[in-house]
Amino acid sequence: MFIKRLNIEDVESFLHLRLNLFYELQEIERDDDVEKLKNSTMEYYLKNIDKTLITYGVIEKDKIVSIGSLCLFERIPYIENLSGKEGYILNIYTLPEYRKKGYGKEITKKLIEYSKDIGIKRLWLNASDEGKKLYSKLGFKNKENEMEIFL
């Protein structure tokens, strides 16, 4: 196992794993027209990778089998975070045949380490029931006060 920070050349692997995640979560169906999603995701990745998007991948046998991303942003400072620097962790995903090897944990640890190195003061994420166990062990606390609206 080798963990690497992904770059522009890894866009196809990133896209493949991210779509697998969406299929598995049933956020998209096999018969959905996903071309617009693919194109938008590729455009976003190429524009933001190594800027406001940091992604790590686990390599096994010259293949990316697990990924995790960090979106960086700044918000108005508040008492717990006077720098306003924050990060949102998302798309922690491992191909089914490579699970139970700790890849998601290792990628999350890399994202936390990177965040500390650049002065991020708050990380947050959304977690599945299975993921909550992992993230709790890494120091994340459950918060139930967030809401959202899609416009």
N, C-alpha and C. Protein backbone atom coordinates (compact mmCIF):
# COMPACT_ATOMS: atom_id res chain seq x y z
N MET A 1 0.84 -1.18 0.00
CA MET A 1 0.00 0.00 0.00
C MET A 1 0.88 1.24 0.00
N PHE A 2 0.50 2.19 -0.81
CA PHE A 2 1.20 3.46 -0.92
C PHE A 2 0.14 4.56 -0.98
N ILE A 3 0.29 5.62 -0.20
CA ILE A 3 -0.65 6.75 -0.24
C ILE A 3 0.03 7.90 -0.95
N LYS A 4 -0.66 8.46 -1.92
CA LYS A 4 -0.10 9.61 -2.64
C LYS A 4 -1.12 10.72 -2.73
N ARG A 5 -0.60 11.93 -2.82
CA ARG A 5 -1.46 13.09 -3.06
C ARG A 5 -1.75 13.12 -4.56
N LEU A 6 -3.04 13.16 -4.88
CA LEU A 6 -3.43 13.10 -6.29
C LEU A 6 -3.21 14.45 -6.96
N ASN A 7 -3.08 14.41 -8.28
CA ASN A 7 -2.85 15.61 -9.07
C ASN A 7 -3.68 15.55 -10.35
N ILE A 8 -3.40 16.44 -11.26
CA ILE A 8 -4.18 16.54 -12.51
C ILE A 8 -4.20 15.22 -13.27
N GLU A 9 -3.10 14.50 -13.28
CA GLU A 9 -3.02 13.25 -14.04
C GLU A 9 -3.96 12.16 -13.49
N ASP A 10 -4.43 12.33 -12.27
CA ASP A 10 -5.27 11.31 -11.64
C ASP A 10 -6.77 11.56 -11.80
N VAL A 11 -7.14 12.48 -12.65
CA VAL A 11 -8.54 12.88 -12.76
C VAL A 11 -9.46 11.71 -13.12
N GLU A 12 -9.04 10.85 -14.03
CA GLU A 12 -9.90 9.73 -14.45
C GLU A 12 -10.15 8.75 -13.30
N SER A 13 -9.12 8.43 -12.55
CA SER A 13 -9.28 7.53 -11.40
C SER A 13 -10.16 8.16 -10.33
N PHE A 14 -9.94 9.44 -10.07
CA PHE A 14 -10.77 10.15 -9.11
C PHE A 14 -12.24 10.10 -9.52
N LEU A 15 -12.48 10.41 -10.77
CA LEU A 15 -13.85 10.42 -11.29
C LEU A 15 -14.49 9.03 -11.18
N HIS A 16 -13.76 8.01 -11.53
CA HIS A 16 -14.27 6.64 -11.46
C HIS A 16 -14.67 6.27 -10.03
N LEU A 17 -13.80 6.54 -9.07
CA LEU A 17 -14.10 6.20 -7.68
C LEU A 17 -15.24 7.04 -7.12
N ARG A 18 -15.28 8.31 -7.48
CA ARG A 18 -16.35 9.17 -6.98
C ARG A 18 -17.71 8.72 -7.52
N LEU A 19 -17.77 8.33 -8.77
CA LEU A 19 -19.03 7.81 -9.33
C LEU A 19 -19.42 6.49 -8.67
N ASN A 20 -18.44 5.63 -8.40
CA ASN A 20 -18.73 4.39 -7.67
C ASN A 20 -19.36 4.69 -6.33
N LEU A 21 -18.83 5.69 -5.64
CA LEU A 21 -19.39 6.11 -4.35
C LEU A 21 -20.85 6.51 -4.51
N PHE A 22 -21.15 7.33 -5.49
CA PHE A 22 -22.52 7.79 -5.71
C PHE A 22 -23.46 6.63 -6.04
N TYR A 23 -22.99 5.70 -6.86
CA TYR A 23 -23.81 4.52 -7.17
C TYR A 23 -24.08 3.72 -5.90
N GLU A 24 -23.05 3.51 -5.12
CA GLU A 24 -23.19 2.72 -3.90
C GLU A 24 -24.15 3.38 -2.90
N LEU A 25 -24.10 4.70 -2.80
CA LEU A 25 -24.99 5.43 -1.90
C LEU A 25 -26.39 5.63 -2.50
N GLN A 26 -26.55 5.17 -3.73
CA GLN A 26 -27.79 5.30 -4.48
C GLN A 26 -28.19 6.77 -4.68
N GLU A 27 -27.17 7.61 -4.81
CA GLU A 27 -27.41 9.01 -5.15
C GLU A 27 -27.59 9.17 -6.65
N ILE A 28 -27.09 8.20 -7.40
CA ILE A 28 -27.37 8.11 -8.83
C ILE A 28 -27.67 6.65 -9.14
N GLU A 29 -28.41 6.44 -10.21
CA GLU A 29 -28.78 5.09 -10.64
C GLU A 29 -27.99 4.73 -11.90
N ARG A 30 -27.86 3.46 -12.17
CA ARG A 30 -27.10 3.00 -13.34
C ARG A 30 -27.67 3.53 -14.65
N ASP A 31 -28.97 3.77 -14.70
CA ASP A 31 -29.57 4.25 -15.95
C ASP A 31 -29.67 5.78 -16.02
N ASP A 32 -29.17 6.49 -14.99
CA ASP A 32 -29.15 7.95 -15.03
C ASP A 32 -28.15 8.43 -16.09
N ASP A 33 -28.45 9.56 -16.67
CA ASP A 33 -27.51 10.19 -17.58
C ASP A 33 -26.52 10.98 -16.73
N VAL A 34 -25.34 10.45 -16.55
CA VAL A 34 -24.38 11.06 -15.64
C VAL A 34 -23.31 11.89 -16.37
N GLU A 35 -23.49 12.09 -17.67
CA GLU A 35 -22.48 12.84 -18.42
C GLU A 35 -22.27 14.25 -17.88
N LYS A 36 -23.36 14.94 -17.53
CA LYS A 36 -23.22 16.30 -16.99
C LYS A 36 -22.48 16.27 -15.65
N LEU A 37 -22.78 15.27 -14.81
CA LEU A 37 -22.08 15.12 -13.54
C LEU A 37 -20.60 14.83 -13.78
N LYS A 38 -20.30 13.93 -14.70
CA LYS A 38 -18.90 13.62 -15.02
C LYS A 38 -18.16 14.88 -15.48
N ASN A 39 -18.77 15.60 -16.41
CA ASN A 39 -18.13 16.80 -16.96
C ASN A 39 -17.93 17.88 -15.89
N SER A 40 -18.94 18.10 -15.08
CA SER A 40 -18.85 19.11 -14.02
C SER A 40 -17.79 18.72 -12.99
N THR A 41 -17.76 17.44 -12.63
CA THR A 41 -16.78 16.96 -11.65
C THR A 41 -15.37 17.09 -12.21
N MET A 42 -15.18 16.71 -13.47
CA MET A 42 -13.86 16.81 -14.09
C MET A 42 -13.41 18.26 -14.15
N GLU A 43 -14.30 19.14 -14.54
CA GLU A 43 -13.98 20.57 -14.62
C GLU A 43 -13.58 21.11 -13.24
N TYR A 44 -14.37 20.75 -12.22
CA TYR A 44 -14.07 21.21 -10.86
C TYR A 44 -12.71 20.68 -10.40
N TYR A 45 -12.49 19.40 -10.60
CA TYR A 45 -11.24 18.76 -10.18
C TYR A 45 -10.04 19.46 -10.83
N LEU A 46 -10.08 19.61 -12.14
CA LEU A 46 -8.95 20.19 -12.87
C LEU A 46 -8.71 21.64 -12.47
N LYS A 47 -9.75 22.37 -12.15
CA LYS A 47 -9.63 23.78 -11.77
C LYS A 47 -9.10 23.93 -10.34
N ASN A 48 -9.44 22.99 -9.45
CA ASN A 48 -9.19 23.19 -8.02
C ASN A 48 -8.14 22.28 -7.39
N ILE A 49 -7.73 21.21 -8.06
CA ILE A 49 -6.80 20.27 -7.43
C ILE A 49 -5.50 21.00 -7.08
N ASP A 50 -5.03 20.73 -5.86
CA ASP A 50 -3.84 21.36 -5.30
C ASP A 50 -4.01 22.85 -5.01
N LYS A 51 -5.24 23.32 -5.06
CA LYS A 51 -5.53 24.70 -4.67
C LYS A 51 -6.50 24.64 -3.49
N THR A 52 -7.79 24.54 -3.80
CA THR A 52 -8.79 24.41 -2.73
C THR A 52 -9.31 22.99 -2.61
N LEU A 53 -8.79 22.08 -3.41
CA LEU A 53 -9.14 20.66 -3.34
C LEU A 53 -7.86 19.85 -3.17
N ILE A 54 -7.78 19.15 -2.05
CA ILE A 54 -6.64 18.28 -1.77
C ILE A 54 -7.20 16.86 -1.71
N THR A 55 -6.61 15.95 -2.48
CA THR A 55 -7.11 14.57 -2.52
C THR A 55 -5.93 13.61 -2.39
N TYR A 56 -6.14 12.61 -1.55
CA TYR A 56 -5.16 11.53 -1.40
C TYR A 56 -5.78 10.24 -1.92
N GLY A 57 -4.92 9.36 -2.39
CA GLY A 57 -5.38 8.07 -2.86
C GLY A 57 -4.44 6.96 -2.39
N VAL A 58 -5.01 5.80 -2.20
CA VAL A 58 -4.22 4.61 -1.88
C VAL A 58 -3.98 3.86 -3.18
N ILE A 59 -2.73 3.51 -3.42
CA ILE A 59 -2.33 2.81 -4.62
C ILE A 59 -2.02 1.36 -4.25
N GLU A 60 -2.61 0.46 -5.00
CA GLU A 60 -2.29 -0.97 -4.88
C GLU A 60 -2.16 -1.51 -6.29
N LYS A 61 -1.05 -2.12 -6.57
CA LYS A 61 -0.79 -2.71 -7.88
C LYS A 61 -1.02 -1.69 -9.00
N ASP A 62 -0.44 -0.50 -8.83
CA ASP A 62 -0.51 0.58 -9.82
C ASP A 62 -1.93 1.07 -10.09
N LYS A 63 -2.83 0.89 -9.13
CA LYS A 63 -4.23 1.29 -9.30
C LYS A 63 -4.67 2.07 -8.06
N ILE A 64 -5.37 3.19 -8.26
CA ILE A 64 -5.94 3.92 -7.14
C ILE A 64 -7.19 3.17 -6.69
N VAL A 65 -7.20 2.70 -5.44
CA VAL A 65 -8.29 1.87 -4.94
C VAL A 65 -9.09 2.54 -3.83
N SER A 66 -8.60 3.68 -3.36
CA SER A 66 -9.28 4.40 -2.28
C SER A 66 -8.93 5.87 -2.40
N ILE A 67 -9.90 6.74 -2.11
CA ILE A 67 -9.65 8.18 -2.18
C ILE A 67 -10.30 8.89 -0.99
N GLY A 68 -9.86 10.10 -0.78
CA GLY A 68 -10.48 10.99 0.19
C GLY A 68 -10.07 12.41 -0.14
N SER A 69 -11.00 13.35 0.02
CA SER A 69 -10.74 14.72 -0.39
C SER A 69 -10.98 15.71 0.74
N LEU A 70 -10.37 16.86 0.58
CA LEU A 70 -10.49 17.97 1.51
C LEU A 70 -10.73 19.24 0.70
N CYS A 71 -11.86 19.90 0.95
CA CYS A 71 -12.14 21.19 0.33
C CYS A 71 -11.78 22.28 1.34
N LEU A 72 -10.96 23.21 0.93
CA LEU A 72 -10.48 24.28 1.80
C LEU A 72 -11.25 25.57 1.56
N PHE A 73 -11.52 26.28 2.64
CA PHE A 73 -12.17 27.58 2.49
C PHE A 73 -11.94 28.42 3.73
N GLU A 74 -12.21 29.71 3.60
CA GLU A 74 -12.16 30.62 4.74
C GLU A 74 -13.52 31.22 4.96
N ARG A 75 -13.85 31.40 6.23
CA ARG A 75 -15.12 32.02 6.59
C ARG A 75 -14.84 33.13 7.59
N ILE A 76 -15.85 33.84 7.96
CA ILE A 76 -15.69 34.89 8.95
C ILE A 76 -15.21 34.25 10.25
N PRO A 77 -14.14 34.78 10.86
CA PRO A 77 -13.65 34.20 12.11
C PRO A 77 -14.71 34.20 13.22
N TYR A 78 -14.57 33.25 14.12
CA TYR A 78 -15.43 33.16 15.30
C TYR A 78 -14.54 32.71 16.46
N ILE A 79 -15.07 32.70 17.67
CA ILE A 79 -14.24 32.53 18.85
C ILE A 79 -13.41 31.24 18.84
N GLU A 80 -13.98 30.13 18.33
CA GLU A 80 -13.23 28.88 18.30
C GLU A 80 -12.25 28.80 17.12
N ASN A 81 -12.38 29.71 16.17
CA ASN A 81 -11.55 29.66 14.97
C ASN A 81 -11.28 31.08 14.50
N LEU A 82 -10.32 31.72 15.12
CA LEU A 82 -10.03 33.12 14.80
C LEU A 82 -9.38 33.31 13.44
N SER A 83 -8.82 32.24 12.86
CA SER A 83 -8.25 32.36 11.52
C SER A 83 -9.33 32.27 10.45
N GLY A 84 -10.44 31.60 10.77
CA GLY A 84 -11.49 31.38 9.79
C GLY A 84 -11.18 30.28 8.79
N LYS A 85 -9.99 29.66 8.88
CA LYS A 85 -9.61 28.60 7.94
C LYS A 85 -10.28 27.29 8.32
N GLU A 86 -10.99 26.70 7.36
CA GLU A 86 -11.71 25.45 7.60
C GLU A 86 -11.54 24.49 6.43
N GLY A 87 -11.87 23.25 6.70
CA GLY A 87 -11.81 22.24 5.66
C GLY A 87 -12.97 21.28 5.80
N TYR A 88 -13.50 20.87 4.67
CA TYR A 88 -14.58 19.90 4.62
C TYR A 88 -14.05 18.62 3.99
N ILE A 89 -14.07 17.54 4.75
CA ILE A 89 -13.61 16.24 4.26
C ILE A 89 -14.78 15.53 3.60
N LEU A 90 -14.53 14.99 2.42
CA LEU A 90 -15.60 14.30 1.70
C LEU A 90 -15.05 13.21 0.81
N ASN A 91 -15.95 12.40 0.33
CA ASN A 91 -15.64 11.34 -0.63
C ASN A 91 -14.56 10.38 -0.15
N ILE A 92 -14.61 10.01 1.11
CA ILE A 92 -13.75 8.93 1.59
C ILE A 92 -14.38 7.66 1.04
N TYR A 93 -13.69 7.02 0.13
CA TYR A 93 -14.27 5.86 -0.54
C TYR A 93 -13.18 4.85 -0.90
N THR A 94 -13.50 3.58 -0.67
CA THR A 94 -12.60 2.48 -1.04
C THR A 94 -13.40 1.47 -1.86
N LEU A 95 -12.81 1.01 -2.94
CA LEU A 95 -13.46 -0.04 -3.73
C LEU A 95 -13.77 -1.24 -2.82
N PRO A 96 -14.95 -1.86 -3.01
CA PRO A 96 -15.38 -2.93 -2.10
C PRO A 96 -14.35 -4.05 -1.88
N GLU A 97 -13.65 -4.44 -2.92
CA GLU A 97 -12.71 -5.56 -2.79
C GLU A 97 -11.43 -5.19 -2.02
N TYR A 98 -11.26 -3.90 -1.67
CA TYR A 98 -10.08 -3.46 -0.93
C TYR A 98 -10.43 -2.95 0.47
N ARG A 99 -11.64 -3.17 0.91
CA ARG A 99 -12.08 -2.68 2.22
C ARG A 99 -11.54 -3.54 3.36
N LYS A 100 -11.70 -3.00 4.55
CA LYS A 100 -11.27 -3.65 5.81
C LYS A 100 -9.75 -3.74 5.90
N LYS A 101 -9.07 -2.80 5.24
CA LYS A 101 -7.61 -2.74 5.31
C LYS A 101 -7.14 -1.43 5.95
N GLY A 102 -8.09 -0.59 6.38
CA GLY A 102 -7.74 0.66 7.04
C GLY A 102 -7.41 1.80 6.10
N TYR A 103 -7.74 1.67 4.82
CA TYR A 103 -7.38 2.71 3.86
C TYR A 103 -8.10 4.03 4.14
N GLY A 104 -9.39 3.96 4.44
CA GLY A 104 -10.13 5.19 4.75
C GLY A 104 -9.55 5.91 5.95
N LYS A 105 -9.18 5.14 6.96
CA LYS A 105 -8.57 5.72 8.16
C LYS A 105 -7.25 6.40 7.81
N GLU A 106 -6.41 5.74 7.04
CA GLU A 106 -5.10 6.30 6.69
C GLU A 106 -5.24 7.57 5.85
N ILE A 107 -6.18 7.58 4.93
CA ILE A 107 -6.40 8.78 4.12
C ILE A 107 -6.91 9.92 5.00
N THR A 108 -7.84 9.62 5.89
CA THR A 108 -8.36 10.65 6.79
C THR A 108 -7.25 11.21 7.67
N LYS A 109 -6.38 10.36 8.16
CA LYS A 109 -5.25 10.82 8.96
C LYS A 109 -4.34 11.74 8.14
N LYS A 110 -4.13 11.40 6.88
CA LYS A 110 -3.32 12.25 5.99
C LYS A 110 -3.97 13.63 5.81
N LEU A 111 -5.30 13.63 5.64
CA LEU A 111 -6.02 14.89 5.46
C LEU A 111 -5.95 15.74 6.73
N ILE A 112 -6.04 15.11 7.89
CA ILE A 112 -5.92 15.83 9.16
C ILE A 112 -4.51 16.41 9.30
N GLU A 113 -3.52 15.59 9.02
CA GLU A 113 -2.12 16.04 9.11
C GLU A 113 -1.86 17.22 8.17
N TYR A 114 -2.34 17.12 6.94
CA TYR A 114 -2.18 18.21 5.97
C TYR A 114 -2.86 19.47 6.50
N SER A 115 -4.05 19.32 7.05
CA SER A 115 -4.80 20.47 7.57
C SER A 115 -4.05 21.16 8.70
N LYS A 116 -3.49 20.37 9.60
CA LYS A 116 -2.68 20.95 10.69
C LYS A 116 -1.50 21.71 10.12
N ASP A 117 -0.84 21.14 9.14
CA ASP A 117 0.36 21.75 8.56
C ASP A 117 0.08 23.12 7.93
N ILE A 118 -1.11 23.31 7.39
CA ILE A 118 -1.40 24.59 6.73
C ILE A 118 -2.25 25.52 7.60
N GLY A 119 -2.48 25.15 8.85
CA GLY A 119 -3.15 26.05 9.78
C GLY A 119 -4.67 26.01 9.78
N ILE A 120 -5.24 24.94 9.26
CA ILE A 120 -6.70 24.78 9.32
C ILE A 120 -7.09 24.61 10.78
N LYS A 121 -8.12 25.30 11.22
CA LYS A 121 -8.54 25.22 12.62
C LYS A 121 -9.79 24.38 12.84
N ARG A 122 -10.56 24.12 11.79
CA ARG A 122 -11.77 23.30 11.94
C ARG A 122 -11.92 22.41 10.72
N LEU A 123 -12.13 21.13 10.97
CA LEU A 123 -12.49 20.18 9.92
C LEU A 123 -13.87 19.65 10.23
N TRP A 124 -14.64 19.40 9.21
CA TRP A 124 -15.95 18.79 9.41
C TRP A 124 -16.25 17.88 8.24
N LEU A 125 -17.22 17.01 8.45
CA LEU A 125 -17.60 16.04 7.43
C LEU A 125 -18.99 15.51 7.73
N ASN A 126 -19.56 14.83 6.76
CA ASN A 126 -20.79 14.07 6.94
C ASN A 126 -20.38 12.60 6.94
N ALA A 127 -20.97 11.82 7.83
CA ALA A 127 -20.53 10.44 7.98
C ALA A 127 -21.69 9.46 7.92
N SER A 128 -21.43 8.33 7.30
CA SER A 128 -22.37 7.21 7.36
C SER A 128 -22.30 6.63 8.77
N ASP A 129 -23.22 5.75 9.10
CA ASP A 129 -23.19 5.11 10.42
C ASP A 129 -21.87 4.38 10.62
N GLU A 130 -21.42 3.68 9.60
CA GLU A 130 -20.14 2.97 9.68
C GLU A 130 -18.98 3.93 9.84
N GLY A 131 -19.03 5.04 9.10
CA GLY A 131 -17.96 6.02 9.16
C GLY A 131 -17.87 6.74 10.49
N LYS A 132 -19.01 6.90 11.18
CA LYS A 132 -19.01 7.60 12.46
C LYS A 132 -18.07 6.95 13.47
N LYS A 133 -18.00 5.63 13.47
CA LYS A 133 -17.10 4.92 14.39
C LYS A 133 -15.65 5.31 14.12
N LEU A 134 -15.29 5.28 12.85
CA LEU A 134 -13.92 5.62 12.45
C LEU A 134 -13.60 7.06 12.82
N TYR A 135 -14.47 8.00 12.44
CA TYR A 135 -14.17 9.41 12.65
C TYR A 135 -14.15 9.76 14.13
N SER A 136 -14.97 9.13 14.93
CA SER A 136 -14.95 9.35 16.38
C SER A 136 -13.59 8.95 16.95
N LYS A 137 -13.05 7.84 16.49
CA LYS A 137 -11.74 7.39 16.97
C LYS A 137 -10.64 8.37 16.59
N LEU A 138 -10.86 9.13 15.53
CA LEU A 138 -9.86 10.11 15.08
C LEU A 138 -10.08 11.48 15.70
N GLY A 139 -11.08 11.61 16.59
CA GLY A 139 -11.29 12.86 17.31
C GLY A 139 -12.47 13.70 16.88
N PHE A 140 -13.21 13.29 15.86
CA PHE A 140 -14.38 14.06 15.42
C PHE A 140 -15.52 13.90 16.43
N LYS A 141 -16.27 14.97 16.62
CA LYS A 141 -17.41 14.98 17.53
C LYS A 141 -18.69 15.09 16.72
N ASN A 142 -19.71 14.39 17.18
CA ASN A 142 -21.01 14.42 16.50
C ASN A 142 -21.72 15.73 16.81
N LYS A 143 -22.22 16.40 15.75
CA LYS A 143 -23.00 17.63 15.91
C LYS A 143 -24.33 17.43 15.18
N GLU A 144 -25.38 17.84 15.83
CA GLU A 144 -26.71 17.60 15.25
C GLU A 144 -27.45 18.91 14.94
N ASN A 145 -26.73 20.01 14.83
CA ASN A 145 -27.41 21.29 14.67
C ASN A 145 -27.30 21.89 13.28
N GLU A 146 -26.90 21.10 12.29
CA GLU A 146 -26.77 21.65 10.95
C GLU A 146 -27.98 21.30 10.10
N MET A 147 -28.31 22.20 9.22
CA MET A 147 -29.43 22.01 8.28
C MET A 147 -28.93 22.44 6.91
N GLU A 148 -29.69 22.10 5.86
CA GLU A 148 -29.31 22.51 4.53
C GLU A 148 -30.55 22.74 3.68
N ILE A 149 -30.33 23.47 2.61
CA ILE A 149 -31.37 23.68 1.60
C ILE A 149 -30.67 23.68 0.24
N PHE A 150 -31.27 23.03 -0.72
CA PHE A 150 -30.75 23.06 -2.09
C PHE A 150 -31.56 24.09 -2.86
N LEU A 151 -30.87 24.99 -3.54
CA LEU A 151 -31.53 26.07 -4.29
C LEU A 151 -31.42 25.85 -5.78
